Amino acid sequence: MDRNLITTSTELAGYRIIANLGVVRGITVRSRNVFMNIGAGIQTLIG
């Protein structure tokens, strides 16, 4: 079992937190359709 656990919670039942690495931020990019992205790219190039 890996002893390096990562959580976004302030506590983890049964474990002692020994380090707080600070705020973590992220972004998720969701694509509806590959063909729509290609069409949008071509439209951007053409104007």
C-alpha atoms as a PDB file:
ATOM      1  CA  MET A   1       0.000   0.000   0.000  1.00  0.00           C
ATOM      2  CA  ASP A   2       1.265   3.464  -0.902  1.00  0.00           C
ATOM      3  CA  ARG A   3       1.841   5.511   2.235  1.00  0.00           C
ATOM      4  CA  ASN A   4       1.728   8.847   0.342  1.00  0.00           C
ATOM      5  CA  LEU A   5      -1.909   9.876   0.456  1.00  0.00           C
ATOM      6  CA  ILE A   6      -3.235  13.073  -1.093  1.00  0.00           C
ATOM      7  CA  THR A   7      -6.533  14.620  -0.083  1.00  0.00           C
ATOM      8  CA  THR A   8      -8.450  17.852  -0.577  1.00  0.00           C
ATOM      9  CA  SER A   9     -10.055  17.432   2.825  1.00  0.00           C
ATOM     10  CA  THR A  10      -8.899  19.097   6.032  1.00  0.00           C
ATOM     11  CA  GLU A  11      -8.652  15.719   7.741  1.00  0.00           C
ATOM     12  CA  LEU A  12      -8.267  12.059   6.861  1.00  0.00           C
ATOM     13  CA  ALA A  13      -9.790   9.600   9.307  1.00  0.00           C
ATOM     14  CA  GLY A  14      -7.225   7.287  10.835  1.00  0.00           C
ATOM     15  CA  TYR A  15      -4.181   9.269   9.618  1.00  0.00           C
ATOM     16  CA  ARG A  16      -2.086  12.146  10.911  1.00  0.00           C
ATOM     17  CA  ILE A  17      -1.394  15.007   8.494  1.00  0.00           C
ATOM     18  CA  ILE A  18       2.317  15.825   8.533  1.00  0.00           C
ATOM     19  CA  ALA A  19       2.542  18.360   5.668  1.00  0.00           C
ATOM     20  CA  ASN A  20       0.259  20.931   4.113  1.00  0.00           C
ATOM     21  CA  LEU A  21       1.475  21.866   0.627  1.00  0.00           C
ATOM     22  CA  GLY A  22      -0.918  24.767   0.150  1.00  0.00           C
ATOM     23  CA  VAL A  23      -3.706  25.572  -2.277  1.00  0.00           C
ATOM     24  CA  VAL A  24      -4.006  23.465  -5.398  1.00  0.00           C
ATOM     25  CA  ARG A  25      -5.852  24.794  -8.435  1.00  0.00           C
ATOM     26  CA  GLY A  26      -6.752  23.177 -11.692  1.00  0.00           C
ATOM     27  CA  ILE A  27      -8.770  23.552 -14.833  1.00  0.00           C
ATOM     28  CA  THR A  28     -10.705  20.972 -16.792  1.00  0.00           C
ATOM     29  CA  VAL A  29     -11.203  21.416 -20.500  1.00  0.00           C
ATOM     30  CA  ARG A  30     -14.197  19.556 -21.856  1.00  0.00           C
ATOM     31  CA  SER A  31     -14.688  18.979 -25.542  1.00  0.00           C
ATOM     32  CA  ARG A  32     -18.113  18.164 -26.926  1.00  0.00           C
ATOM     33  CA  ASN A  33     -17.026  16.960 -30.338  1.00  0.00           C
ATOM     34  CA  VAL A  34     -13.738  16.672 -32.229  1.00  0.00           C
ATOM     35  CA  PHE A  35     -15.367  17.740 -35.501  1.00  0.00           C
ATOM     36  CA  MET A  36     -16.782  20.880 -33.904  1.00  0.00           C
ATOM     37  CA  ASN A  37     -13.289  21.790 -32.687  1.00  0.00           C
ATOM     38  CA  ILE A  38     -11.841  21.302 -36.172  1.00  0.00           C
ATOM     39  CA  GLY A  39     -14.624  23.427 -37.656  1.00  0.00           C
ATOM     40  CA  ALA A  40     -14.071  26.156 -35.090  1.00  0.00           C
ATOM     41  CA  GLY A  41     -10.329  26.138 -35.824  1.00  0.00           C
ATOM     42  CA  ILE A  42     -10.940  26.510 -39.559  1.00  0.00           C
ATOM     43  CA  GLN A  43     -13.470  29.279 -38.921  1.00  0.00           C
ATOM     44  CA  THR A  44     -10.909  31.083 -36.770  1.00  0.00           C
ATOM     45  CA  LEU A  45      -8.295  30.882 -39.542  1.00  0.00           C
ATOM     46  CA  ILE A  46     -10.677  32.049 -42.270  1.00  0.00           C
ATOM     47  CA  GLY A  47     -12.297  34.762 -40.220  1.00  0.00           C
END
